[in-house]
C-alpha atoms as a PDB file:
ATOM      1  CA  UNK A   1       6.300  61.485 -29.726  1.00  0.00           C
ATOM      2  CA  UNK A   2       6.127  63.571 -26.547  1.00  0.00           C
ATOM      3  CA  UNK A   3       9.083  65.817 -25.752  1.00  0.00           C
ATOM      4  CA  UNK A   4      10.366  63.573 -22.938  1.00  0.00           C
ATOM      5  CA  UNK A   5      10.298  60.567 -25.264  1.00  0.00           C
ATOM      6  CA  UNK A   6      12.120  62.542 -27.967  1.00  0.00           C
ATOM      7  CA  UNK A   7      14.891  63.326 -25.488  1.00  0.00           C
ATOM      8  CA  UNK A   8      15.114  59.671 -24.475  1.00  0.00           C
ATOM      9  CA  UNK A   9      15.220  58.651 -28.135  1.00  0.00           C
ATOM     10  CA  UNK A  10      18.129  61.048 -28.651  1.00  0.00           C
ATOM     11  CA  UNK A  11      19.925  59.561 -25.645  1.00  0.00           C
ATOM     12  CA  UNK A  12      19.353  56.035 -26.980  1.00  0.00           C
ATOM     13  CA  UNK A  13      20.673  57.081 -30.397  1.00  0.00           C
ATOM     14  CA  UNK A  14      23.772  58.542 -28.796  1.00  0.00           C
ATOM     15  CA  UNK A  15      24.636  55.541 -26.628  1.00  0.00           C
ATOM     16  CA  UNK A  16      23.457  52.734 -28.936  1.00  0.00           C
ATOM     17  CA  UNK A  17      24.797  54.171 -32.210  1.00  0.00           C
ATOM     18  CA  UNK A  18      27.736  56.413 -31.412  1.00  0.00           C
ATOM     19  CA  UNK A  19      29.046  56.748 -27.851  1.00  0.00           C
ATOM     20  CA  UNK A  20      28.115  53.992 -25.395  1.00  0.00           C
ATOM     21  CA  UNK A  21      31.054  55.083 -23.244  1.00  0.00           C
ATOM     22  CA  UNK A  22      29.272  58.407 -22.618  1.00  0.00           C
ATOM     23  CA  UNK A  23      27.360  56.586 -19.869  1.00  0.00           C
ATOM     24  CA  UNK A  24      29.801  53.715 -19.319  1.00  0.00           C
ATOM     25  CA  UNK A  25      27.697  51.273 -21.355  1.00  0.00           C
ATOM     26  CA  UNK A  26      29.161  48.250 -23.109  1.00  0.00           C
ATOM     27  CA  UNK A  27      27.675  46.897 -26.333  1.00  0.00           C
ATOM     28  CA  UNK A  28      28.354  43.378 -27.544  1.00  0.00           C
ATOM     29  CA  UNK A  29      29.921  42.896 -31.026  1.00  0.00           C
ATOM     30  CA  UNK A  30      26.428  42.911 -32.583  1.00  0.00           C
ATOM     31  CA  UNK A  31      25.464  46.206 -30.958  1.00  0.00           C
ATOM     32  CA  UNK A  32      23.230  44.771 -28.218  1.00  0.00           C
ATOM     33  CA  UNK A  33      23.058  46.253 -24.717  1.00  0.00           C
ATOM     34  CA  UNK A  34      21.279  44.724 -21.761  1.00  0.00           C
ATOM     35  CA  UNK A  35      18.278  46.871 -20.800  1.00  0.00           C
ATOM     36  CA  UNK A  36      19.086  46.612 -17.093  1.00  0.00           C
ATOM     37  CA  UNK A  37      22.649  47.837 -17.766  1.00  0.00           C
ATOM     38  CA  UNK A  38      21.367  50.679 -19.964  1.00  0.00           C
ATOM     39  CA  UNK A  39      18.902  51.866 -17.296  1.00  0.00           C
ATOM     40  CA  UNK A  40      21.463  51.583 -14.489  1.00  0.00           C
ATOM     41  CA  UNK A  41      24.247  53.360 -16.408  1.00  0.00           C
ATOM     42  CA  UNK A  42      21.956  56.124 -17.687  1.00  0.00           C
ATOM     43  CA  UNK A  43      20.663  56.835 -14.180  1.00  0.00           C
ATOM     44  CA  UNK A  44      24.194  56.756 -12.766  1.00  0.00           C
ATOM     45  CA  UNK A  45      25.102  59.468 -15.301  1.00  0.00           C
ATOM     46  CA  UNK A  46      22.187  61.759 -14.486  1.00  0.00           C
ATOM     47  CA  UNK A  47      19.579  60.595 -17.013  1.00  0.00           C
ATOM     48  CA  UNK A  48      16.198  59.590 -15.618  1.00  0.00           C
ATOM     49  CA  UNK A  49      15.498  56.380 -17.514  1.00  0.00           C
ATOM     50  CA  UNK A  50      13.269  53.388 -16.870  1.00  0.00           C
ATOM     51  CA  UNK A  51      12.524  50.214 -18.763  1.00  0.00           C
ATOM     52  CA  UNK A  52       8.961  51.479 -19.295  1.00  0.00           C
ATOM     53  CA  UNK A  53      10.213  54.703 -20.902  1.00  0.00           C
ATOM     54  CA  UNK A  54      12.518  52.738 -23.215  1.00  0.00           C
ATOM     55  CA  UNK A  55       9.642  50.455 -24.225  1.00  0.00           C
ATOM     56  CA  UNK A  56       7.456  53.504 -24.946  1.00  0.00           C
ATOM     57  CA  UNK A  57      10.166  55.059 -27.139  1.00  0.00           C
ATOM     58  CA  UNK A  58      10.620  51.850 -29.116  1.00  0.00           C
ATOM     59  CA  UNK A  59       6.867  51.342 -29.522  1.00  0.00           C
ATOM     60  CA  UNK A  60       6.075  54.945 -30.487  1.00  0.00           C
ATOM     61  CA  UNK A  61       8.967  55.622 -32.857  1.00  0.00           C
ATOM     62  CA  UNK A  62       7.688  55.978 -36.400  1.00  0.00           C
ATOM     63  CA  UNK A  63      11.220  55.354 -37.674  1.00  0.00           C
ATOM     64  CA  UNK A  64      11.702  52.186 -35.609  1.00  0.00           C
ATOM     65  CA  UNK A  65      15.333  53.062 -34.864  1.00  0.00           C
ATOM     66  CA  UNK A  66      15.629  50.494 -32.067  1.00  0.00           C
ATOM     67  CA  UNK A  67      14.783  46.829 -31.595  1.00  0.00           C
ATOM     68  CA  UNK A  68      14.540  44.416 -28.707  1.00  0.00           C
ATOM     69  CA  UNK A  69      15.885  40.877 -28.904  1.00  0.00           C
ATOM     70  CA  UNK A  70      13.406  37.984 -28.667  1.00  0.00           C
ATOM     71  CA  UNK A  71      13.707  37.858 -24.868  1.00  0.00           C
ATOM     72  CA  UNK A  72      13.202  41.654 -24.614  1.00  0.00           C
ATOM     73  CA  UNK A  73      16.199  41.780 -22.290  1.00  0.00           C
ATOM     74  CA  UNK A  74      18.478  43.516 -24.802  1.00  0.00           C
ATOM     75  CA  UNK A  75      18.155  46.496 -27.155  1.00  0.00           C
ATOM     76  CA  UNK A  76      20.123  47.824 -30.109  1.00  0.00           C
ATOM     77  CA  UNK A  77      19.908  50.418 -32.850  1.00  0.00           C
ATOM     78  CA  UNK A  78      18.777  49.048 -36.203  1.00  0.00           C
ATOM     79  CA  UNK A  79      21.305  51.075 -38.216  1.00  0.00           C
ATOM     80  CA  UNK A  80      23.184  54.366 -38.265  1.00  0.00           C
ATOM     81  CA  UNK A  81      26.161  53.324 -36.162  1.00  0.00           C
ATOM     82  CA  UNK A  82      29.431  55.224 -36.216  1.00  0.00           C
ATOM     83  CA  UNK A  83      31.040  52.582 -33.989  1.00  0.00           C
ATOM     84  CA  UNK A  84      32.071  49.086 -35.019  1.00  0.00           C
ATOM     85  CA  UNK A  85      29.168  46.645 -34.771  1.00  0.00           C
ATOM     86  CA  UNK A  86      28.120  43.666 -36.861  1.00  0.00           C
ATOM     87  CA  UNK A  87      24.370  43.764 -37.383  1.00  0.00           C
ATOM     88  CA  UNK A  88      24.270  40.433 -39.219  1.00  0.00           C
ATOM     89  CA  UNK A  89      22.370  41.876 -42.163  1.00  0.00           C
ATOM     90  CA  UNK A  90      22.078  39.708 -45.243  1.00  0.00           C
ATOM     91  CA  UNK A  91      22.737  41.061 -48.709  1.00  0.00           C
ATOM     92  CA  UNK A  92      19.529  41.807 -50.614  1.00  0.00           C
ATOM     93  CA  UNK A  93      18.767  42.842 -54.157  1.00  0.00           C
ATOM     94  CA  UNK A  94      17.203  46.309 -54.056  1.00  0.00           C
ATOM     95  CA  UNK A  95      14.207  47.544 -56.022  1.00  0.00           C
ATOM     96  CA  UNK A  96      14.709  49.421 -59.289  1.00  0.00           C
ATOM     97  CA  UNK A  97      15.083  52.756 -57.488  1.00  0.00           C
ATOM     98  CA  UNK A  98      15.567  53.977 -53.945  1.00  0.00           C
ATOM     99  CA  UNK A  99      15.536  57.524 -52.599  1.00  0.00           C
ATOM    100  CA  UNK A 100      17.820  59.720 -50.522  1.00  0.00           C
ATOM    101  CA  UNK A 101      16.629  62.816 -48.713  1.00  0.00           C
ATOM    102  CA  UNK A 102      19.109  65.599 -48.164  1.00  0.00           C
ATOM    103  CA  UNK A 103      19.262  69.389 -48.028  1.00  0.00           C
ATOM    104  CA  UNK A 104      19.562  71.562 -51.126  1.00  0.00           C
ATOM    105  CA  UNK A 105      22.801  73.055 -49.765  1.00  0.00           C
ATOM    106  CA  UNK A 106      24.550  69.681 -50.253  1.00  0.00           C
ATOM    107  CA  UNK A 107      23.541  69.119 -53.898  1.00  0.00           C
ATOM    108  CA  UNK A 108      26.693  70.489 -55.572  1.00  0.00           C
ATOM    109  CA  UNK A 109      28.962  68.389 -53.327  1.00  0.00           C
ATOM    110  CA  UNK A 110      26.853  65.283 -54.027  1.00  0.00           C
ATOM    111  CA  UNK A 111      27.002  65.974 -57.799  1.00  0.00           C
ATOM    112  CA  UNK A 112      30.792  66.061 -57.496  1.00  0.00           C
ATOM    113  CA  UNK A 113      31.394  63.145 -55.122  1.00  0.00           C
ATOM    114  CA  UNK A 114      28.193  61.131 -54.836  1.00  0.00           C
ATOM    115  CA  UNK A 115      26.819  60.010 -51.486  1.00  0.00           C
ATOM    116  CA  UNK A 116      29.332  58.858 -48.914  1.00  0.00           C
ATOM    117  CA  UNK A 117      28.668  57.186 -45.591  1.00  0.00           C
ATOM    118  CA  UNK A 118      30.745  59.685 -43.634  1.00  0.00           C
ATOM    119  CA  UNK A 119      31.383  58.334 -40.140  1.00  0.00           C
ATOM    120  CA  UNK A 120      28.564  55.806 -40.397  1.00  0.00           C
ATOM    121  CA  UNK A 121      28.753  52.290 -41.762  1.00  0.00           C
ATOM    122  CA  UNK A 122      26.430  52.947 -44.694  1.00  0.00           C
ATOM    123  CA  UNK A 123      24.543  55.482 -46.766  1.00  0.00           C
ATOM    124  CA  UNK A 124      20.849  55.312 -45.804  1.00  0.00           C
ATOM    125  CA  UNK A 125      18.245  55.056 -48.563  1.00  0.00           C
ATOM    126  CA  UNK A 126      14.453  55.031 -48.402  1.00  0.00           C
ATOM    127  CA  UNK A 127      12.029  52.865 -50.335  1.00  0.00           C
ATOM    128  CA  UNK A 128       9.771  55.845 -51.027  1.00  0.00           C
ATOM    129  CA  UNK A 129      10.164  59.528 -51.818  1.00  0.00           C
ATOM    130  CA  UNK A 130       7.848  60.671 -48.999  1.00  0.00           C
ATOM    131  CA  UNK A 131      10.098  59.146 -46.331  1.00  0.00           C
ATOM    132  CA  UNK A 132      13.206  60.518 -48.057  1.00  0.00           C
ATOM    133  CA  UNK A 133      11.664  63.994 -48.060  1.00  0.00           C
ATOM    134  CA  UNK A 134      11.033  63.763 -44.306  1.00  0.00           C
ATOM    135  CA  UNK A 135      14.680  62.790 -43.798  1.00  0.00           C
ATOM    136  CA  UNK A 136      15.807  65.711 -45.966  1.00  0.00           C
ATOM    137  CA  UNK A 137      13.739  68.154 -43.907  1.00  0.00           C
ATOM    138  CA  UNK A 138      15.912  67.407 -40.876  1.00  0.00           C
ATOM    139  CA  UNK A 139      18.877  68.967 -42.684  1.00  0.00           C
ATOM    140  CA  UNK A 140      17.313  72.115 -44.132  1.00  0.00           C
ATOM    141  CA  UNK A 141      15.404  72.831 -47.344  1.00  0.00           C
ATOM    142  CA  UNK A 142      14.782  69.252 -48.551  1.00  0.00           C
ATOM    143  CA  UNK A 143      15.481  67.656 -51.882  1.00  0.00           C
ATOM    144  CA  UNK A 144      14.914  64.024 -52.822  1.00  0.00           C
ATOM    145  CA  UNK A 145      17.441  62.215 -54.965  1.00  0.00           C
ATOM    146  CA  UNK A 146      16.561  59.083 -56.924  1.00  0.00           C
ATOM    147  CA  UNK A 147      19.157  56.312 -56.772  1.00  0.00           C
ATOM    148  CA  UNK A 148      19.267  53.752 -59.580  1.00  0.00           C
ATOM    149  CA  UNK A 149      19.718  50.933 -57.077  1.00  0.00           C
ATOM    150  CA  UNK A 150      19.059  48.006 -59.409  1.00  0.00           C
ATOM    151  CA  UNK A 151      21.800  49.226 -61.785  1.00  0.00           C
ATOM    152  CA  UNK A 152      24.159  49.655 -58.837  1.00  0.00           C
ATOM    153  CA  UNK A 153      23.516  46.091 -57.681  1.00  0.00           C
ATOM    154  CA  UNK A 154      24.164  44.795 -61.191  1.00  0.00           C
ATOM    155  CA  UNK A 155      27.466  46.710 -61.084  1.00  0.00           C
ATOM    156  CA  UNK A 156      28.507  44.876 -57.909  1.00  0.00           C
ATOM    157  CA  UNK A 157      27.391  47.190 -55.104  1.00  0.00           C
ATOM    158  CA  UNK A 158      26.048  45.342 -52.081  1.00  0.00           C
ATOM    159  CA  UNK A 159      22.754  46.395 -50.546  1.00  0.00           C
ATOM    160  CA  UNK A 160      21.325  45.480 -47.159  1.00  0.00           C
ATOM    161  CA  UNK A 161      18.012  46.257 -45.507  1.00  0.00           C
ATOM    162  CA  UNK A 162      17.810  46.947 -41.787  1.00  0.00           C
ATOM    163  CA  UNK A 163      15.076  45.617 -39.522  1.00  0.00           C
ATOM    164  CA  UNK A 164      13.129  48.865 -39.915  1.00  0.00           C
ATOM    165  CA  UNK A 165      13.233  48.836 -43.727  1.00  0.00           C
ATOM    166  CA  UNK A 166      16.053  51.324 -44.329  1.00  0.00           C
ATOM    167  CA  UNK A 167      18.205  50.332 -47.301  1.00  0.00           C
ATOM    168  CA  UNK A 168      21.964  50.474 -46.723  1.00  0.00           C
ATOM    169  CA  UNK A 169      24.919  50.660 -49.117  1.00  0.00           C
ATOM    170  CA  UNK A 170      28.520  51.765 -48.562  1.00  0.00           C
ATOM    171  CA  UNK A 171      28.425  54.553 -51.145  1.00  0.00           C
ATOM    172  CA  UNK A 172      26.426  55.887 -54.079  1.00  0.00           C
ATOM    173  CA  UNK A 173      28.522  57.250 -56.953  1.00  0.00           C
ATOM    174  CA  UNK A 174      27.050  60.357 -58.579  1.00  0.00           C
ATOM    175  CA  UNK A 175      26.660  58.433 -61.840  1.00  0.00           C
ATOM    176  CA  UNK A 176      23.832  56.399 -60.236  1.00  0.00           C
ATOM    177  CA  UNK A 177      21.933  59.429 -58.897  1.00  0.00           C
ATOM    178  CA  UNK A 178      19.097  61.193 -60.712  1.00  0.00           C
ATOM    179  CA  UNK A 179      19.124  64.825 -59.603  1.00  0.00           C
ATOM    180  CA  UNK A 180      15.969  66.950 -59.773  1.00  0.00           C
ATOM    181  CA  UNK A 181      16.151  69.370 -62.706  1.00  0.00           C
ATOM    182  CA  UNK A 182      17.367  72.865 -61.884  1.00  0.00           C
ATOM    183  CA  UNK A 183      18.301  72.192 -58.257  1.00  0.00           C
ATOM    184  CA  UNK A 184      21.617  73.714 -57.214  1.00  0.00           C
ATOM    185  CA  UNK A 185      23.245  74.485 -53.872  1.00  0.00           C
ATOM    186  CA  UNK A 186      22.559  78.060 -52.752  1.00  0.00           C
END
């Protein structure tokens, strides 16, 4: 994605996942914002944004972080919110294992406490180790953890899958995580 589109993607993440008030935007209870409102409010707050640029970001994003409604008049983030929204996701039974990419420096804390959602609604898990490794690279020296998702579901944990294929769960206790041998926090 070109640099200008990366910056727009970051702006969309900020206002559609975390701080819509940063540009005076209002999201509905399901996290949707009208495109016309988003463009107007962004431009009012000094961000050069057009509908075409938004459409290019959505179309070119390999992570598919954003989605349009059927009428293409509204947009929302697919997951990763730190604000209250109801995405309407249905509970799904996960595959045998899922993966979580993180940085090596967090391993000891994860061994002690498991994976927590922090300020977000859910812990994000990937269906494959390659994607998890890419996620982990964003945080430093990457490490991929294997989550025994099927066992978790059998133990009562609820899993959801967002529109872009990211698996979501409220927490992952350390007892359900397979840690790579010999990996410790620096």
